[in-house]
Structure formats: structure tokens, C-alpha cells
């Protein structure tokens, strides 16, 4: 396995882990801001890793991409 293949492999594993976290928090009560923020952060992390691995999140993890677009708010403001 080449170094690039190993990097892509690890990014995809990370994407799947974050995607599973997104699915968990997105399935919870979305009127609770904590759940919305956690789902958004997890979807953003999954999208970032997907892009870093060279794949298109719009076609690979569509629901996470749509969620991030729907709740596109300033995460730094929410954390403060």
C-alpha cells in the first residue's frame, strides 16, 4: 500500500466515524441546540475528511452535506 493510499484509507475511516456520530445526533431531538450543534460539527468533520480523501461529499454523504448546508451557522459563536 502506498503512502497516499494509507492516508486516504485513514481519512475515509475518520469520515465514517464522524458520519456515524452525525447520524446519531441528527436522529435526536433537533429542537435541542446541543444536538443540532453536535450534529453540525460531526457532519462538518465528515465532509472535511471526505474532501481531503479526494471524494465528493455531495454524492458520498449526501444527508450530512445537506444537514451542514441547512444549519450553516457559525460554530465558533455557538461554542463561546
N, C-alpha and C. Protein backbone atom coordinates (compact mmCIF):
# COMPACT_ATOMS: atom_id res chain seq x y z
N UNK A 1 0.85 -1.18 0.00
CA UNK A 1 0.00 0.00 0.00
C UNK A 1 0.90 1.24 0.00
N UNK A 2 0.62 2.15 -0.88
CA UNK A 2 1.43 3.36 -0.96
C UNK A 2 1.07 4.32 0.17
N UNK A 3 1.91 5.31 0.35
CA UNK A 3 1.66 6.29 1.41
C UNK A 3 0.35 7.04 1.17
N UNK A 4 0.07 7.40 -0.09
CA UNK A 4 -1.17 8.10 -0.40
C UNK A 4 -2.38 7.20 -0.13
N UNK A 5 -2.27 5.93 -0.47
CA UNK A 5 -3.37 5.01 -0.20
C UNK A 5 -3.64 4.89 1.29
N UNK A 6 -2.57 4.85 2.09
CA UNK A 6 -2.71 4.77 3.54
C UNK A 6 -3.38 6.03 4.09
N UNK A 7 -2.96 7.18 3.59
CA UNK A 7 -3.55 8.45 4.03
C UNK A 7 -5.04 8.49 3.68
N UNK A 8 -5.37 8.11 2.45
CA UNK A 8 -6.78 8.09 2.02
C UNK A 8 -7.58 7.11 2.87
N UNK A 9 -7.00 5.96 3.14
CA UNK A 9 -7.66 4.95 3.97
C UNK A 9 -7.99 5.50 5.35
N UNK A 10 -7.04 6.16 5.97
CA UNK A 10 -7.26 6.72 7.31
C UNK A 10 -8.28 7.86 7.28
N UNK A 11 -8.23 8.67 6.23
CA UNK A 11 -9.22 9.73 6.12
C UNK A 11 -10.63 9.17 5.95
N UNK A 12 -10.76 8.11 5.20
CA UNK A 12 -12.08 7.50 4.99
C UNK A 12 -12.59 6.84 6.27
N UNK A 13 -11.70 6.23 7.04
CA UNK A 13 -12.10 5.66 8.34
C UNK A 13 -12.58 6.79 9.25
N UNK A 14 -11.85 7.90 9.28
CA UNK A 14 -12.26 9.05 10.07
C UNK A 14 -13.59 9.61 9.60
N UNK A 15 -13.79 9.66 8.29
CA UNK A 15 -15.05 10.15 7.75
C UNK A 15 -16.21 9.26 8.21
N UNK A 16 -16.02 7.96 8.17
CA UNK A 16 -17.08 7.04 8.59
C UNK A 16 -17.39 7.21 10.07
N UNK A 17 -16.36 7.37 10.89
CA UNK A 17 -16.58 7.57 12.32
C UNK A 17 -17.37 8.85 12.58
N UNK A 18 -16.98 9.94 11.93
CA UNK A 18 -17.70 11.21 12.11
C UNK A 18 -19.11 11.13 11.52
N UNK A 19 -19.25 10.41 10.40
CA UNK A 19 -20.56 10.26 9.79
C UNK A 19 -21.51 9.51 10.72
N UNK A 20 -21.00 8.48 11.39
CA UNK A 20 -21.82 7.74 12.36
C UNK A 20 -22.23 8.64 13.53
N UNK A 21 -21.31 9.51 13.97
CA UNK A 21 -21.65 10.47 15.03
C UNK A 21 -22.73 11.43 14.54
N UNK A 22 -22.60 11.89 13.30
CA UNK A 22 -23.61 12.76 12.71
C UNK A 22 -24.97 12.08 12.71
N UNK A 23 -25.03 10.83 12.25
CA UNK A 23 -26.31 10.11 12.17
C UNK A 23 -26.93 9.98 13.57
N UNK A 24 -26.11 9.74 14.57
CA UNK A 24 -26.60 9.60 15.94
C UNK A 24 -27.22 10.91 16.42
N UNK A 25 -26.49 12.02 16.30
CA UNK A 25 -27.01 13.30 16.79
C UNK A 25 -28.13 13.85 15.92
N UNK A 26 -28.12 13.58 14.63
CA UNK A 26 -29.18 14.06 13.75
C UNK A 26 -30.49 13.33 14.02
N UNK A 27 -30.42 12.12 14.57
CA UNK A 27 -31.62 11.35 14.88
C UNK A 27 -32.26 11.80 16.20
N UNK A 28 -31.54 12.59 16.97
CA UNK A 28 -32.06 13.08 18.26
C UNK A 28 -32.93 14.32 18.05
N UNK A 29 -33.55 14.75 19.12
CA UNK A 29 -34.44 15.92 19.11
C UNK A 29 -33.69 17.16 18.61
N UNK A 30 -34.10 17.69 17.47
CA UNK A 30 -33.40 18.82 16.87
C UNK A 30 -33.85 20.18 17.42
N UNK A 31 -34.82 20.17 18.32
CA UNK A 31 -35.16 21.43 18.99
C UNK A 31 -34.15 21.74 20.09
N UNK A 32 -33.37 20.75 20.47
CA UNK A 32 -32.30 20.92 21.45
C UNK A 32 -31.06 21.43 20.71
N UNK A 33 -30.62 22.63 21.04
CA UNK A 33 -29.49 23.24 20.34
C UNK A 33 -28.21 22.42 20.46
N UNK A 34 -28.01 21.75 21.57
CA UNK A 34 -26.81 20.93 21.76
C UNK A 34 -26.76 19.82 20.72
N UNK A 35 -27.90 19.17 20.47
CA UNK A 35 -27.94 18.11 19.47
C UNK A 35 -27.68 18.66 18.07
N UNK A 36 -28.24 19.83 17.78
CA UNK A 36 -28.03 20.45 16.46
C UNK A 36 -26.56 20.80 16.25
N UNK A 37 -25.94 21.38 17.27
CA UNK A 37 -24.53 21.77 17.16
C UNK A 37 -23.65 20.53 17.02
N UNK A 38 -23.91 19.50 17.81
CA UNK A 38 -23.12 18.28 17.73
C UNK A 38 -23.28 17.61 16.37
N UNK A 39 -24.50 17.59 15.84
CA UNK A 39 -24.74 17.01 14.52
C UNK A 39 -24.03 17.82 13.44
N UNK A 40 -24.10 19.14 13.56
CA UNK A 40 -23.44 20.00 12.58
C UNK A 40 -21.92 19.80 12.61
N UNK A 41 -21.32 19.80 13.80
CA UNK A 41 -19.88 19.62 13.91
C UNK A 41 -19.44 18.27 13.36
N UNK A 42 -20.22 17.22 13.66
CA UNK A 42 -19.89 15.89 13.14
C UNK A 42 -20.02 15.84 11.63
N UNK A 43 -21.07 16.46 11.09
CA UNK A 43 -21.23 16.46 9.63
C UNK A 43 -20.10 17.25 8.98
N UNK A 44 -19.72 18.37 9.57
CA UNK A 44 -18.63 19.18 9.02
C UNK A 44 -17.32 18.40 9.04
N UNK A 45 -17.05 17.67 10.13
CA UNK A 45 -15.83 16.87 10.23
C UNK A 45 -15.84 15.75 9.19
N UNK A 46 -16.98 15.11 8.99
CA UNK A 46 -17.09 14.04 7.99
C UNK A 46 -16.88 14.60 6.59
N UNK A 47 -17.48 15.74 6.30
CA UNK A 47 -17.34 16.38 4.99
C UNK A 47 -15.89 16.75 4.73
N UNK A 48 -15.24 17.32 5.73
CA UNK A 48 -13.84 17.74 5.59
C UNK A 48 -12.95 16.55 5.27
N UNK A 49 -13.12 15.45 5.99
CA UNK A 49 -12.30 14.27 5.75
C UNK A 49 -12.59 13.65 4.39
N UNK A 50 -13.83 13.67 4.00
CA UNK A 50 -14.22 13.15 2.69
C UNK A 50 -13.53 13.94 1.58
N UNK A 51 -13.55 15.26 1.69
CA UNK A 51 -12.90 16.11 0.69
C UNK A 51 -11.39 15.92 0.70
N UNK A 52 -10.80 15.79 1.89
CA UNK A 52 -9.35 15.60 1.99
C UNK A 52 -8.93 14.28 1.35
N UNK A 53 -9.81 13.28 1.39
CA UNK A 53 -9.52 11.99 0.78
C UNK A 53 -9.70 12.03 -0.73
N UNK A 54 -10.27 13.12 -1.24
CA UNK A 54 -10.42 13.26 -2.68
C UNK A 54 -11.77 12.85 -3.22
N UNK A 55 -12.76 12.73 -2.35
CA UNK A 55 -14.09 12.34 -2.78
C UNK A 55 -15.07 13.50 -2.62
N UNK A 56 -16.17 13.43 -3.31
CA UNK A 56 -17.18 14.48 -3.28
C UNK A 56 -18.23 14.16 -2.22
N UNK A 57 -18.31 14.96 -1.16
CA UNK A 57 -19.29 14.68 -0.10
C UNK A 57 -20.74 14.86 -0.57
N UNK A 58 -20.95 15.65 -1.62
CA UNK A 58 -22.31 15.84 -2.12
C UNK A 58 -22.89 14.55 -2.67
N UNK A 59 -22.04 13.64 -3.13
CA UNK A 59 -22.54 12.38 -3.66
C UNK A 59 -22.28 11.20 -2.72
N UNK A 60 -21.32 11.33 -1.82
CA UNK A 60 -20.97 10.21 -0.96
C UNK A 60 -21.74 10.24 0.36
N UNK A 61 -21.83 11.38 1.00
CA UNK A 61 -22.56 11.50 2.27
C UNK A 61 -23.56 12.65 2.14
N UNK A 62 -24.50 12.45 1.25
CA UNK A 62 -25.46 13.49 0.88
C UNK A 62 -26.22 14.06 2.07
N UNK A 63 -26.71 13.20 2.97
CA UNK A 63 -27.50 13.69 4.09
C UNK A 63 -26.68 14.57 5.03
N UNK A 64 -25.43 14.22 5.27
CA UNK A 64 -24.56 15.05 6.11
C UNK A 64 -24.28 16.38 5.42
N UNK A 65 -24.07 16.35 4.12
CA UNK A 65 -23.81 17.58 3.37
C UNK A 65 -25.03 18.50 3.41
N UNK A 66 -26.21 17.92 3.20
CA UNK A 66 -27.45 18.72 3.24
C UNK A 66 -27.70 19.30 4.63
N UNK A 67 -27.42 18.52 5.67
CA UNK A 67 -27.60 19.00 7.04
C UNK A 67 -26.68 20.18 7.32
N UNK A 68 -25.42 20.06 6.91
CA UNK A 68 -24.46 21.14 7.13
C UNK A 68 -24.89 22.40 6.39
N UNK A 69 -25.43 22.23 5.20
CA UNK A 69 -25.89 23.39 4.43
C UNK A 69 -27.12 24.02 5.09
N UNK A 70 -28.01 23.19 5.62
CA UNK A 70 -29.24 23.69 6.26
C UNK A 70 -28.93 24.47 7.53
N UNK A 71 -28.02 23.94 8.34
CA UNK A 71 -27.68 24.58 9.62
C UNK A 71 -26.33 25.26 9.53
N UNK A 72 -26.07 25.94 8.46
CA UNK A 72 -24.78 26.59 8.27
C UNK A 72 -24.70 27.82 9.16
N UNK A 73 -24.32 27.60 10.42
CA UNK A 73 -24.15 28.71 11.35
C UNK A 73 -22.72 28.73 11.84
N UNK A 74 -22.36 29.80 12.46
CA UNK A 74 -21.01 29.99 12.94
C UNK A 74 -20.77 29.15 14.19
N UNK A 75 -20.03 28.05 14.03
CA UNK A 75 -19.79 27.13 15.13
C UNK A 75 -19.00 27.81 16.24
N UNK A 76 -18.10 28.73 15.90
CA UNK A 76 -17.32 29.41 16.93
C UNK A 76 -18.21 30.27 17.81
N UNK A 77 -19.27 30.82 17.24
CA UNK A 77 -20.21 31.62 18.04
C UNK A 77 -20.97 30.73 19.01
N UNK A 78 -21.36 29.55 18.57
CA UNK A 78 -22.12 28.64 19.40
C UNK A 78 -21.27 28.10 20.55
N UNK A 79 -20.00 27.86 20.30
CA UNK A 79 -19.10 27.31 21.32
C UNK A 79 -18.78 28.34 22.41
N UNK A 80 -18.83 29.61 22.08
CA UNK A 80 -18.42 30.66 23.03
C UNK A 80 -19.36 30.80 24.20
